[in-house]
Structures are given as C-alpha cells and as structure tokens.
Amino acid sequence: MNKRDALKRFALCGALAAASLGMLAACSPSAPSPKFQGVDVTGADYAKDFSLPDQDGTVRTMKDFAGKAVVIFFGYTQCPDVCPTTLSELAEVKRSLGEDGKRLQGIFITVDPERDKPEVLKAYMENFDPSFVALSGTPEQLAAVAKDFKIYFKKVDGKTPGSYTMDHSAGSYVYDTKGNLRVYERYGSGAQALQADVKALLAEGA
C-alpha cells in the first residue's frame, strides 16, 4: 500500500468513525425526566386547559402563561384552612426562588362563584401575592372545568339559614413551562416539596 492509499484509508476510517458516533448520539436516550416530590402525572390526558375570566374580567387560558411553571389550585375565599395554607405556601415558594420567581404563576380557581365576586377575588389574591391570578365563571363553566380537572366540590349547608361551606379537592396541579401537566401535589406535602418540583421544571425549561 502506497502513502496515498494509506491516507485515503485513514480518512475513510475517520469518516466512518464519526458517522458511527453520530448514530450513537442520535440513538442515545434523552435526558431523564426529573424525579418529583409530588405525584408524577406526565402525559396525563386531562386538565389540559381552561378558558375563564380572571379577577379583572380578562378571559385567560394556559397560553397566557407560556414560559412559566404554573400551579393551579381550586378553592374558595371563605375556606378556613386548606386554601389559605396552600396559597401561603405557593407565595413562599415564589419568594424563595428569587429572580426565578417571576417564572412561577399561581392560579386560583374558585368553586364558589356565588360569593367570590371579582373584587373579592382580587383582594384575596393580594393577601398572598398580587401576581397570582384568580379565575371564576358561571356555575356551568366551573362545573365543566372541574370535571376536566377531575376536581370534586360540593356545597354544604351551614348551621344558620343561608350559610354554607364548600367541600372540595385539595391538591394542586403543576405545569411545566410548555403548559403540560407534570405533577400533582397533595395537600399537606409542604412548601419544600413544591419548591423542589417547581425548580426542577424551571431548570428543564431553561
């Protein structure tokens, strides 16, 4: 074999090796999904979207929050414990993220439109974080959204005439920056678990 043939063979071997590496890279699995503290519901075929007016009367959908991790919670403003605890923890997580907190959107959907009028919802959100969005709608609209999100709620008569409370599901839905449902956070999991999952989703979408 002369020098020219040897060089050609060397070049051919190099090209084949590069091609093989490219094929291996193409066939290698993508980065694994984060290990969440909450329930991993990646790929769920429910709770994909909503179309409801916020506390300022603007109709909102998931597309409005593209690029942000979104946490959705259903409740009502006169809820004695579950709702304020959940929203307080969400506000705590947002503060703990520093600048990244701007990429976290809290959304509260009322199950009590009879009492939770826009001005009530606006004042309620300001108690936790003014950037949080509160959504409402007609009873029919809210019933349809609750069904799609697999949320249970029921009006329970109180001890005095006209008084009532609302029984409702207490977990939160966490979405990635592309608007996909990824995690279900059970009530009582705490702010640290939510913070870890939100940070994982923000890192994934960076």
N, C-alpha and C. Protein backbone atom coordinates (compact mmCIF):
# COMPACT_ATOMS: atom_id res chain seq x y z
N MET A 1 0.86 -1.20 0.00
CA MET A 1 0.00 0.00 0.00
C MET A 1 0.90 1.25 0.00
N ASN A 2 0.68 2.15 -1.00
CA ASN A 2 1.49 3.36 -1.03
C ASN A 2 0.94 4.40 -0.06
N LYS A 3 1.68 5.49 0.03
CA LYS A 3 1.33 6.53 1.02
C LYS A 3 -0.02 7.15 0.72
N ARG A 4 -0.32 7.35 -0.59
CA ARG A 4 -1.59 7.98 -0.96
C ARG A 4 -2.77 7.08 -0.55
N ASP A 5 -2.67 5.77 -0.83
CA ASP A 5 -3.74 4.83 -0.46
C ASP A 5 -3.92 4.77 1.04
N ALA A 6 -2.82 4.83 1.77
CA ALA A 6 -2.88 4.78 3.24
C ALA A 6 -3.62 5.99 3.78
N LEU A 7 -3.34 7.16 3.18
CA LEU A 7 -4.02 8.38 3.64
C LEU A 7 -5.52 8.32 3.35
N LYS A 8 -5.85 7.79 2.14
CA LYS A 8 -7.27 7.65 1.79
C LYS A 8 -7.99 6.71 2.76
N ARG A 9 -7.32 5.61 3.10
CA ARG A 9 -7.92 4.64 4.01
C ARG A 9 -8.11 5.24 5.40
N PHE A 10 -7.12 6.01 5.83
CA PHE A 10 -7.19 6.66 7.13
C PHE A 10 -8.36 7.65 7.18
N ALA A 11 -8.51 8.42 6.09
CA ALA A 11 -9.59 9.40 6.01
C ALA A 11 -10.95 8.71 6.02
N LEU A 12 -11.05 7.56 5.28
CA LEU A 12 -12.30 6.81 5.22
C LEU A 12 -12.66 6.26 6.59
N CYS A 13 -11.66 5.71 7.29
CA CYS A 13 -11.91 5.17 8.63
C CYS A 13 -12.37 6.27 9.59
N GLY A 14 -11.76 7.45 9.45
CA GLY A 14 -12.16 8.57 10.31
C GLY A 14 -13.59 8.98 10.06
N ALA A 15 -13.98 9.01 8.77
CA ALA A 15 -15.35 9.39 8.41
C ALA A 15 -16.35 8.38 8.95
N LEU A 16 -16.01 7.09 8.83
CA LEU A 16 -16.90 6.04 9.33
C LEU A 16 -17.05 6.12 10.84
N ALA A 17 -15.94 6.40 11.51
CA ALA A 17 -15.98 6.51 12.97
C ALA A 17 -16.86 7.68 13.40
N ALA A 18 -16.72 8.81 12.70
CA ALA A 18 -17.53 9.98 13.02
C ALA A 18 -19.00 9.70 12.80
N ALA A 19 -19.30 9.00 11.68
CA ALA A 19 -20.69 8.66 11.39
C ALA A 19 -21.26 7.75 12.45
N SER A 20 -20.44 6.78 12.90
CA SER A 20 -20.89 5.85 13.93
C SER A 20 -21.19 6.58 15.23
N LEU A 21 -20.33 7.53 15.58
CA LEU A 21 -20.56 8.31 16.80
C LEU A 21 -21.84 9.12 16.68
N GLY A 22 -22.07 9.66 15.48
CA GLY A 22 -23.29 10.44 15.27
C GLY A 22 -24.52 9.57 15.44
N MET A 23 -24.45 8.33 14.92
CA MET A 23 -25.58 7.42 15.05
C MET A 23 -25.82 7.06 16.51
N LEU A 24 -24.73 6.85 17.25
CA LEU A 24 -24.88 6.52 18.67
C LEU A 24 -25.50 7.67 19.43
N ALA A 25 -25.08 8.89 19.09
CA ALA A 25 -25.63 10.07 19.77
C ALA A 25 -27.11 10.21 19.46
N ALA A 26 -27.48 9.93 18.19
CA ALA A 26 -28.88 10.06 17.80
C ALA A 26 -29.74 9.01 18.47
N CYS A 27 -29.15 7.84 18.72
CA CYS A 27 -29.92 6.75 19.32
C CYS A 27 -29.90 6.77 20.84
N SER A 28 -29.02 7.59 21.41
CA SER A 28 -28.95 7.61 22.88
C SER A 28 -30.20 8.21 23.46
N PRO A 29 -30.68 7.76 24.62
CA PRO A 29 -31.91 8.27 25.21
C PRO A 29 -31.75 9.72 25.62
N SER A 30 -32.87 10.45 25.59
CA SER A 30 -32.85 11.85 26.01
C SER A 30 -32.66 11.92 27.52
N ALA A 31 -32.42 13.14 28.01
CA ALA A 31 -32.21 13.31 29.44
C ALA A 31 -33.42 12.81 30.22
N PRO A 32 -33.20 12.10 31.30
CA PRO A 32 -34.32 11.57 32.05
C PRO A 32 -35.18 12.67 32.67
N SER A 33 -36.46 12.39 32.84
CA SER A 33 -37.35 13.36 33.47
C SER A 33 -36.98 13.54 34.93
N PRO A 34 -37.27 14.71 35.49
CA PRO A 34 -36.94 14.94 36.90
C PRO A 34 -37.67 13.95 37.81
N LYS A 35 -37.08 13.67 38.94
CA LYS A 35 -37.75 12.84 39.95
C LYS A 35 -38.50 13.80 40.87
N PHE A 36 -39.82 13.79 40.79
CA PHE A 36 -40.63 14.76 41.50
C PHE A 36 -40.95 14.33 42.93
N GLN A 37 -41.15 15.32 43.79
CA GLN A 37 -41.60 15.06 45.15
C GLN A 37 -43.09 14.72 45.18
N GLY A 38 -43.85 15.36 44.30
CA GLY A 38 -45.27 15.07 44.18
C GLY A 38 -45.51 13.88 43.27
N VAL A 39 -46.77 13.68 42.89
CA VAL A 39 -47.14 12.56 42.03
C VAL A 39 -46.86 12.92 40.58
N ASP A 40 -46.01 12.16 39.92
CA ASP A 40 -45.67 12.41 38.52
C ASP A 40 -46.84 12.00 37.64
N VAL A 41 -47.46 12.99 36.97
CA VAL A 41 -48.60 12.71 36.09
C VAL A 41 -48.26 13.13 34.65
N THR A 42 -46.98 13.12 34.32
CA THR A 42 -46.55 13.48 32.97
C THR A 42 -47.29 12.63 31.94
N GLY A 43 -47.84 13.29 30.93
CA GLY A 43 -48.57 12.59 29.88
C GLY A 43 -50.05 12.45 30.16
N ALA A 44 -50.53 13.02 31.26
CA ALA A 44 -51.96 12.92 31.59
C ALA A 44 -52.81 13.52 30.48
N ASP A 45 -53.97 12.92 30.24
CA ASP A 45 -54.84 13.39 29.16
C ASP A 45 -56.01 14.21 29.70
N TYR A 46 -55.84 14.80 30.87
CA TYR A 46 -56.88 15.65 31.44
C TYR A 46 -56.22 16.93 31.97
N ALA A 47 -57.07 17.88 32.41
CA ALA A 47 -56.58 19.14 32.98
C ALA A 47 -55.60 19.83 32.04
N LYS A 48 -55.93 19.87 30.76
CA LYS A 48 -55.01 20.46 29.79
C LYS A 48 -55.17 21.96 29.62
N ASP A 49 -56.37 22.47 29.85
CA ASP A 49 -56.57 23.90 29.61
C ASP A 49 -57.84 24.37 30.30
N PHE A 50 -58.08 25.65 30.22
CA PHE A 50 -59.27 26.28 30.77
C PHE A 50 -59.51 27.56 29.98
N SER A 51 -60.67 28.13 30.09
CA SER A 51 -60.98 29.43 29.49
C SER A 51 -61.97 30.11 30.41
N LEU A 52 -61.44 30.93 31.33
CA LEU A 52 -62.25 31.56 32.36
C LEU A 52 -61.79 32.99 32.59
N PRO A 53 -62.71 33.87 32.99
CA PRO A 53 -62.32 35.25 33.27
C PRO A 53 -61.58 35.36 34.61
N ASP A 54 -60.58 36.27 34.64
CA ASP A 54 -59.85 36.49 35.88
C ASP A 54 -60.51 37.59 36.71
N GLN A 55 -59.85 38.01 37.79
CA GLN A 55 -60.44 38.99 38.70
C GLN A 55 -60.61 40.37 38.06
N ASP A 56 -59.97 40.57 36.90
CA ASP A 56 -60.12 41.84 36.18
C ASP A 56 -61.05 41.71 34.97
N GLY A 57 -61.64 40.53 34.78
CA GLY A 57 -62.58 40.34 33.69
C GLY A 57 -61.96 39.86 32.40
N THR A 58 -60.64 39.64 32.39
CA THR A 58 -59.95 39.16 31.19
C THR A 58 -60.00 37.64 31.11
N VAL A 59 -60.46 37.11 29.99
CA VAL A 59 -60.53 35.66 29.82
C VAL A 59 -59.12 35.11 29.67
N ARG A 60 -58.79 34.11 30.46
CA ARG A 60 -57.45 33.52 30.47
C ARG A 60 -57.48 32.07 30.02
N THR A 61 -56.36 31.67 29.39
CA THR A 61 -56.13 30.26 29.05
C THR A 61 -54.69 29.94 29.40
N MET A 62 -54.29 28.69 29.28
CA MET A 62 -52.92 28.29 29.59
C MET A 62 -51.91 29.01 28.70
N LYS A 63 -52.30 29.35 27.48
CA LYS A 63 -51.36 30.00 26.57
C LYS A 63 -50.86 31.34 27.12
N ASP A 64 -51.65 31.97 27.97
CA ASP A 64 -51.25 33.26 28.54
C ASP A 64 -50.01 33.15 29.43
N PHE A 65 -49.70 31.94 29.87
CA PHE A 65 -48.62 31.76 30.84
C PHE A 65 -47.47 30.93 30.26
N ALA A 66 -47.35 30.92 28.94
CA ALA A 66 -46.26 30.20 28.28
C ALA A 66 -44.92 30.70 28.79
N GLY A 67 -44.01 29.77 29.03
CA GLY A 67 -42.69 30.13 29.54
C GLY A 67 -42.60 30.13 31.05
N LYS A 68 -43.72 29.90 31.72
CA LYS A 68 -43.73 29.87 33.17
C LYS A 68 -44.16 28.50 33.69
N ALA A 69 -43.66 28.14 34.85
CA ALA A 69 -44.23 26.99 35.56
C ALA A 69 -45.53 27.50 36.19
N VAL A 70 -46.57 26.72 36.11
CA VAL A 70 -47.89 27.15 36.58
C VAL A 70 -48.40 26.19 37.64
N VAL A 71 -48.92 26.75 38.72
CA VAL A 71 -49.53 25.94 39.78
C VAL A 71 -50.99 26.36 39.89
N ILE A 72 -51.90 25.40 39.71
CA ILE A 72 -53.34 25.67 39.76
C ILE A 72 -53.95 24.99 40.98
N PHE A 73 -54.76 25.77 41.70
CA PHE A 73 -55.43 25.25 42.89
C PHE A 73 -56.89 25.69 42.87
N PHE A 74 -57.79 24.77 43.21
CA PHE A 74 -59.23 25.07 43.29
C PHE A 74 -59.62 25.28 44.75
N GLY A 75 -60.41 26.31 45.01
CA GLY A 75 -60.84 26.56 46.38
C GLY A 75 -61.86 27.68 46.44
N TYR A 76 -61.97 28.33 47.59
CA TYR A 76 -62.89 29.46 47.73
C TYR A 76 -62.38 30.38 48.83
N THR A 77 -62.74 31.64 48.76
CA THR A 77 -62.12 32.65 49.62
C THR A 77 -62.51 32.52 51.09
N GLN A 78 -63.64 31.89 51.39
CA GLN A 78 -64.04 31.73 52.78
C GLN A 78 -63.60 30.39 53.37
N CYS A 79 -62.75 29.70 52.64
CA CYS A 79 -62.18 28.44 53.11
C CYS A 79 -61.37 28.71 54.38
N PRO A 80 -61.60 27.96 55.45
CA PRO A 80 -60.95 28.28 56.73
C PRO A 80 -59.48 27.89 56.85
N ASP A 81 -59.03 26.86 56.13
CA ASP A 81 -57.65 26.40 56.37
C ASP A 81 -56.92 25.92 55.12
N VAL A 82 -57.49 25.01 54.37
CA VAL A 82 -56.79 24.40 53.23
C VAL A 82 -56.36 25.45 52.20
N CYS A 83 -57.28 26.32 51.83
CA CYS A 83 -56.97 27.31 50.78
C CYS A 83 -55.92 28.33 51.21
N PRO A 84 -56.08 28.98 52.37
CA PRO A 84 -55.03 29.93 52.76
C PRO A 84 -53.67 29.26 53.00
N THR A 85 -53.68 28.03 53.50
CA THR A 85 -52.41 27.32 53.70
C THR A 85 -51.73 27.06 52.36
N THR A 86 -52.48 26.58 51.39
CA THR A 86 -51.91 26.27 50.07
C THR A 86 -51.39 27.53 49.38
N LEU A 87 -52.16 28.60 49.42
CA LEU A 87 -51.73 29.83 48.76
C LEU A 87 -50.55 30.48 49.48
N SER A 88 -50.51 30.35 50.80
CA SER A 88 -49.37 30.87 51.56
C SER A 88 -48.09 30.12 51.19
N GLU A 89 -48.20 28.80 51.06
CA GLU A 89 -47.04 28.00 50.68
C GLU A 89 -46.58 28.34 49.26
N LEU A 90 -47.54 28.56 48.37
CA LEU A 90 -47.19 28.92 46.99
C LEU A 90 -46.48 30.27 46.96
N ALA A 91 -46.97 31.23 47.74
CA ALA A 91 -46.32 32.54 47.82
C ALA A 91 -44.91 32.41 48.41
N GLU A 92 -44.76 31.53 49.39
CA GLU A 92 -43.45 31.29 49.99
C GLU A 92 -42.47 30.72 48.97
N VAL A 93 -42.94 29.78 48.17
CA VAL A 93 -42.09 29.19 47.13
C VAL A 93 -41.67 30.25 46.12
N LYS A 94 -42.61 31.08 45.71
CA LYS A 94 -42.31 32.14 44.74
C LYS A 94 -41.22 33.07 45.28
N ARG A 95 -41.33 33.47 46.54
CA ARG A 95 -40.32 34.34 47.15
C ARG A 95 -38.96 33.65 47.24
N SER A 96 -38.99 32.36 47.58
CA SER A 96 -37.73 31.63 47.78
C SER A 96 -36.94 31.45 46.49
N LEU A 97 -37.61 31.56 45.34
CA LEU A 97 -36.95 31.37 44.05
C LEU A 97 -36.19 32.60 43.58
N GLY A 98 -36.34 33.71 44.28
CA GLY A 98 -35.64 34.93 43.88
C GLY A 98 -36.10 35.40 42.52
N GLU A 99 -35.14 35.68 41.62
CA GLU A 99 -35.47 36.15 40.28
C GLU A 99 -36.29 35.12 39.50
N ASP A 100 -36.03 33.83 39.76
CA ASP A 100 -36.79 32.78 39.07
C ASP A 100 -38.26 32.77 39.48
N GLY A 101 -38.57 33.45 40.57
CA GLY A 101 -39.96 33.54 41.00
C GLY A 101 -40.85 34.20 39.96
N LYS A 102 -40.25 35.02 39.10
CA LYS A 102 -41.02 35.67 38.04
C LYS A 102 -41.50 34.66 37.01
N ARG A 103 -40.90 33.48 37.03
CA ARG A 103 -41.28 32.43 36.08
C ARG A 103 -42.23 31.41 36.69
N LEU A 104 -42.80 31.75 37.84
CA LEU A 104 -43.80 30.90 38.50
C LEU A 104 -45.13 31.65 38.57
N GLN A 105 -46.18 31.03 38.08
CA GLN A 105 -47.50 31.65 38.08
C GLN A 105 -48.48 30.84 38.93
N GLY A 106 -49.02 31.48 39.95
CA GLY A 106 -50.05 30.86 40.76
C GLY A 106 -51.43 31.19 40.21
N ILE A 107 -52.30 30.19 40.11
CA ILE A 107 -53.67 30.38 39.61
C ILE A 107 -54.64 29.74 40.59
N PHE A 108 -55.60 30.53 41.04
CA PHE A 108 -56.63 30.08 41.97
C PHE A 108 -57.96 30.07 41.23
N ILE A 109 -58.63 28.93 41.20
CA ILE A 109 -59.94 28.82 40.54
C ILE A 109 -60.99 28.61 41.61
N THR A 110 -61.93 29.54 41.72
CA THR A 110 -62.94 29.43 42.76
C THR A 110 -63.99 28.38 42.43
N VAL A 111 -64.47 27.71 43.47
CA VAL A 111 -65.59 26.78 43.32
C VAL A 111 -66.85 27.38 43.96
N ASP A 112 -66.76 28.68 44.29
CA ASP A 112 -67.86 29.38 44.96
C ASP A 112 -68.13 30.72 44.28
N PRO A 113 -68.55 30.69 43.01
CA PRO A 113 -68.77 31.95 42.28
C PRO A 113 -69.88 32.80 42.87
N GLU A 114 -70.76 32.18 43.64
CA GLU A 114 -71.87 32.93 44.25
C GLU A 114 -71.36 34.03 45.18
N ARG A 115 -70.31 33.71 45.95
CA ARG A 115 -69.76 34.70 46.89
C ARG A 115 -68.45 35.30 46.41
N ASP A 116 -67.71 34.56 45.60
CA ASP A 116 -66.39 35.05 45.16
C ASP A 116 -66.50 35.92 43.91
N LYS A 117 -66.97 37.13 44.13
CA LYS A 117 -67.08 38.10 43.04
C LYS A 117 -65.68 38.64 42.70
N PRO A 118 -65.52 39.28 41.54
CA PRO A 118 -64.20 39.75 41.11
C PRO A 118 -63.46 40.59 42.15
N GLU A 119 -64.16 41.52 42.81
CA GLU A 119 -63.48 42.36 43.80
C GLU A 119 -63.03 41.56 45.02
N VAL A 120 -63.80 40.53 45.35
CA VAL A 120 -63.42 39.66 46.47
C VAL A 120 -62.18 38.84 46.11
N LEU A 121 -62.18 38.30 44.91
CA LEU A 121 -61.04 37.50 44.45
C LEU A 121 -59.77 38.35 44.35
N LYS A 122 -59.92 39.58 43.88
CA LYS A 122 -58.75 40.46 43.74
C LYS A 122 -58.14 40.76 45.10
N ALA A 123 -58.98 41.08 46.07
CA ALA A 123 -58.48 41.37 47.43
C ALA A 123 -57.85 40.13 48.04
N TYR A 124 -58.44 38.97 47.77
CA TYR A 124 -57.93 37.72 48.33
C TYR A 124 -56.55 37.40 47.79
N MET A 125 -56.34 37.57 46.49
CA MET A 125 -55.04 37.31 45.89
C MET A 125 -53.98 38.25 46.45
N GLU A 126 -54.34 39.48 46.68
CA GLU A 126 -53.38 40.46 47.20
C GLU A 126 -52.90 40.11 48.60
N ASN A 127 -53.68 39.32 49.31
CA ASN A 127 -53.26 38.86 50.64
C ASN A 127 -52.06 37.92 50.55
N PHE A 128 -51.89 37.28 49.40
CA PHE A 128 -50.83 36.28 49.23
C PHE A 128 -49.75 36.78 48.27
N ASP A 129 -50.15 37.11 47.05
CA ASP A 129 -49.21 37.65 46.07
C ASP A 129 -50.04 38.33 44.97
N PRO A 130 -49.83 39.61 44.74
CA PRO A 130 -50.62 40.32 43.73
C PRO A 130 -50.50 39.75 42.32
N SER A 131 -49.43 39.00 42.07
CA SER A 131 -49.25 38.43 40.72
C SER A 131 -50.10 37.19 40.51
N PHE A 132 -50.64 36.62 41.58
CA PHE A 132 -51.48 35.44 41.44
C PHE A 132 -52.77 35.81 40.71
N VAL A 133 -53.23 34.89 39.89
CA VAL A 133 -54.45 35.10 39.10
C VAL A 133 -55.57 34.27 39.70
N ALA A 134 -56.74 34.91 39.86
CA ALA A 134 -57.93 34.20 40.34
C ALA A 134 -58.93 34.09 39.21
N LEU A 135 -59.47 32.92 39.00
CA LEU A 135 -60.41 32.69 37.92
C LEU A 135 -61.78 32.31 38.46
N SER A 136 -62.81 32.73 37.74
CA SER A 136 -64.18 32.39 38.12
C SER A 136 -64.95 32.09 36.84
N GLY A 137 -66.27 32.17 36.90
CA GLY A 137 -67.09 31.89 35.74
C GLY A 137 -68.51 31.57 36.18
N THR A 138 -69.33 31.17 35.26
CA THR A 138 -70.68 30.74 35.61
C THR A 138 -70.61 29.37 36.28
N PRO A 139 -71.65 29.01 37.02
CA PRO A 139 -71.65 27.67 37.62
C PRO A 139 -71.43 26.57 36.58
N GLU A 140 -71.99 26.76 35.40
CA GLU A 140 -71.85 25.76 34.35
C GLU A 140 -70.40 25.69 33.84
N GLN A 141 -69.78 26.85 33.66
CA GLN A 141 -68.38 26.89 33.22
C GLN A 141 -67.46 26.21 34.24
N LEU A 142 -67.67 26.54 35.51
CA LEU A 142 -66.82 25.99 36.55
C LEU A 142 -67.03 24.49 36.71
N ALA A 143 -68.27 24.06 36.55
CA ALA A 143 -68.55 22.62 36.64
C ALA A 143 -67.83 21.87 35.52
N ALA A 144 -67.79 22.46 34.32
CA ALA A 144 -67.13 21.82 33.18
C ALA A 144 -65.61 21.76 33.41
N VAL A 145 -65.03 22.85 33.91
CA VAL A 145 -63.59 22.87 34.17
C VAL A 145 -63.25 21.88 35.28
N ALA A 146 -64.05 21.87 36.34
CA ALA A 146 -63.80 20.94 37.45
C ALA A 146 -63.87 19.49 36.98
N LYS A 147 -64.78 19.19 36.09
CA LYS A 147 -64.90 17.83 35.56
C LYS A 147 -63.65 17.48 34.76
N ASP A 148 -63.17 18.41 33.95
CA ASP A 148 -61.98 18.15 33.13
C ASP A 148 -60.74 17.96 34.00
N PHE A 149 -60.70 18.68 35.15
CA PHE A 149 -59.56 18.58 36.06
C PHE A 149 -59.75 17.47 37.10
N LYS A 150 -60.87 16.77 37.03
CA LYS A 150 -61.19 15.71 37.99
C LYS A 150 -61.24 16.26 39.42
N ILE A 151 -61.84 17.44 39.54
CA ILE A 151 -61.98 18.11 40.83
C ILE A 151 -63.39 17.86 41.38
N TYR A 152 -63.43 17.52 42.66
CA TYR A 152 -64.72 17.35 43.35
C TYR A 152 -65.01 18.60 44.15
N PHE A 153 -66.25 19.09 44.08
CA PHE A 153 -66.67 20.13 45.01
C PHE A 153 -68.18 20.04 45.23
N LYS A 154 -68.58 20.43 46.41
CA LYS A 154 -70.00 20.32 46.78
C LYS A 154 -70.33 21.37 47.84
N LYS A 155 -71.48 21.99 47.66
CA LYS A 155 -71.97 22.97 48.63
C LYS A 155 -72.56 22.25 49.84
N VAL A 156 -72.17 22.67 51.03
CA VAL A 156 -72.64 22.05 52.27
C VAL A 156 -73.32 23.10 53.12
N ASP A 157 -74.59 22.90 53.41
CA ASP A 157 -75.35 23.87 54.20
C ASP A 157 -74.76 24.02 55.60
N GLY A 158 -74.77 25.27 56.08
CA GLY A 158 -74.26 25.56 57.41
C GLY A 158 -75.33 25.42 58.47
N LYS A 159 -75.00 25.88 59.68
CA LYS A 159 -75.92 25.74 60.82
C LYS A 159 -76.99 26.82 60.85
N THR A 160 -76.72 27.91 60.15
CA THR A 160 -77.69 29.00 60.11
C THR A 160 -78.25 29.16 58.71
N PRO A 161 -79.46 29.68 58.57
CA PRO A 161 -80.08 29.83 57.25
C PRO A 161 -79.22 30.66 56.30
N GLY A 162 -78.98 30.13 55.11
CA GLY A 162 -78.21 30.85 54.10
C GLY A 162 -76.71 30.67 54.19
N SER A 163 -76.24 30.11 55.29
CA SER A 163 -74.80 29.90 55.42
C SER A 163 -74.41 28.56 54.81
N TYR A 164 -73.18 28.48 54.33
CA TYR A 164 -72.71 27.22 53.75
C TYR A 164 -71.19 27.23 53.64
N THR A 165 -70.66 26.05 53.48
CA THR A 165 -69.23 25.88 53.18
C THR A 165 -69.13 25.08 51.88
N MET A 166 -67.89 24.92 51.40
CA MET A 166 -67.68 24.15 50.17
C MET A 166 -66.69 23.03 50.44
N ASP A 167 -67.14 21.80 50.25
CA ASP A 167 -66.20 20.68 50.24
C ASP A 167 -65.53 20.67 48.86
N HIS A 168 -64.22 20.44 48.82
CA HIS A 168 -63.55 20.43 47.51
C HIS A 168 -62.23 19.68 47.59
N SER A 169 -61.78 19.22 46.43
CA SER A 169 -60.47 18.57 46.34
C SER A 169 -59.39 19.56 46.74
N ALA A 170 -58.33 19.05 47.36
CA ALA A 170 -57.36 19.96 47.97
C ALA A 170 -55.97 19.95 47.35
N GLY A 171 -55.75 19.20 46.29
CA GLY A 171 -54.42 19.14 45.70
C GLY A 171 -54.17 20.25 44.69
N SER A 172 -52.92 20.39 44.27
CA SER A 172 -52.53 21.39 43.28
C SER A 172 -51.97 20.72 42.04
N TYR A 173 -52.20 21.35 40.90
CA TYR A 173 -51.69 20.87 39.62
C TYR A 173 -50.51 21.73 39.21
N VAL A 174 -49.40 21.10 38.85
CA VAL A 174 -48.19 21.84 38.49
C VAL A 174 -47.84 21.55 37.03
N TYR A 175 -47.65 22.62 36.27
CA TYR A 175 -47.38 22.53 34.82
C TYR A 175 -45.98 23.00 34.51
N ASP A 176 -45.39 22.44 33.45
CA ASP A 176 -44.08 22.88 33.02
C ASP A 176 -44.21 24.15 32.18
N THR A 177 -43.08 24.67 31.72
CA THR A 177 -43.07 25.95 31.01
C THR A 177 -43.70 25.87 29.62
N LYS A 178 -44.02 24.66 29.16
CA LYS A 178 -44.69 24.48 27.87
C LYS A 178 -46.19 24.26 28.03
N GLY A 179 -46.67 24.34 29.27
CA GLY A 179 -48.09 24.19 29.52
C GLY A 179 -48.57 22.76 29.68
N ASN A 180 -47.63 21.84 29.92
CA ASN A 180 -48.00 20.43 30.10
C ASN A 180 -48.13 20.09 31.58
N LEU A 181 -49.18 19.39 31.93
CA LEU A 181 -49.36 18.95 33.31
C LEU A 181 -48.30 17.91 33.64
N ARG A 182 -47.59 18.13 34.75
CA ARG A 182 -46.49 17.24 35.11
C ARG A 182 -46.58 16.63 36.50
N VAL A 183 -47.13 17.41 37.46
CA VAL A 183 -47.11 16.96 38.85
C VAL A 183 -48.43 17.27 39.54
N TYR A 184 -48.87 16.35 40.39
CA TYR A 184 -50.00 16.60 41.28
C TYR A 184 -49.45 16.64 42.69
N GLU A 185 -49.58 17.80 43.33
CA GLU A 185 -49.09 17.98 44.69
C GLU A 185 -50.24 17.77 45.67
N ARG A 186 -50.13 16.76 46.51
CA ARG A 186 -51.17 16.52 47.51
C ARG A 186 -51.12 17.60 48.59
N TYR A 187 -52.28 17.94 49.11
CA TYR A 187 -52.33 18.92 50.20
C TYR A 187 -51.59 18.35 51.41
N GLY A 188 -50.77 19.18 52.03
CA GLY A 188 -50.02 18.74 53.19
C GLY A 188 -48.59 18.34 52.86
N SER A 189 -48.24 18.35 51.57
CA SER A 189 -46.87 17.97 51.18
C SER A 189 -45.85 19.01 51.63
N GLY A 190 -46.28 20.26 51.76
CA GLY A 190 -45.41 21.32 52.24
C GLY A 190 -44.74 22.12 51.14
N ALA A 191 -44.24 23.30 51.52
CA ALA A 191 -43.62 24.22 50.57
C ALA A 191 -42.33 23.66 49.98
N GLN A 192 -41.57 22.91 50.76
CA GLN A 192 -40.29 22.40 50.26
C GLN A 192 -40.47 21.44 49.09
N ALA A 193 -41.47 20.58 49.19
CA ALA A 193 -41.73 19.64 48.10
C ALA A 193 -42.15 20.39 46.83
N LEU A 194 -43.03 21.36 46.99
CA LEU A 194 -43.47 22.15 45.84
C LEU A 194 -42.30 22.93 45.25
N GLN A 195 -41.47 23.51 46.10
CA GLN A 195 -40.31 24.27 45.63
C GLN A 195 -39.38 23.38 44.80
N ALA A 196 -39.11 22.18 45.28
CA ALA A 196 -38.23 21.26 44.57
C ALA A 196 -38.78 20.92 43.19
N ASP A 197 -40.08 20.68 43.10
CA ASP A 197 -40.67 20.31 41.82
C ASP A 197 -40.71 21.49 40.86
N VAL A 198 -41.02 22.67 41.37
CA VAL A 198 -41.03 23.85 40.52
C VAL A 198 -39.62 24.15 40.00
N LYS A 199 -38.63 24.05 40.86
CA LYS A 199 -37.24 24.30 40.45
C LYS A 199 -36.83 23.31 39.36
N ALA A 200 -37.24 22.06 39.51
CA ALA A 200 -36.90 21.05 38.51
C ALA A 200 -37.52 21.39 37.16
N LEU A 201 -38.76 21.84 37.17
CA LEU A 201 -39.44 22.18 35.92
C LEU A 201 -38.87 23.44 35.29
N LEU A 202 -38.49 24.41 36.11
CA LEU A 202 -37.88 25.64 35.57
C LEU A 202 -36.51 25.32 34.96
N ALA A 203 -35.76 24.43 35.63
CA ALA A 203 -34.45 24.05 35.09
C ALA A 203 -34.62 23.30 33.77
N GLU A 204 -35.63 22.46 33.70
CA GLU A 204 -35.91 21.70 32.49
C GLU A 204 -36.26 22.62 31.32
N GLY A 205 -36.95 23.72 31.64
CA GLY A 205 -37.40 24.63 30.59
C GLY A 205 -36.46 25.79 30.33
N ALA A 206 -35.31 25.79 31.00
CA ALA A 206 -34.35 26.90 30.83
C ALA A 206 -33.69 26.85 29.45
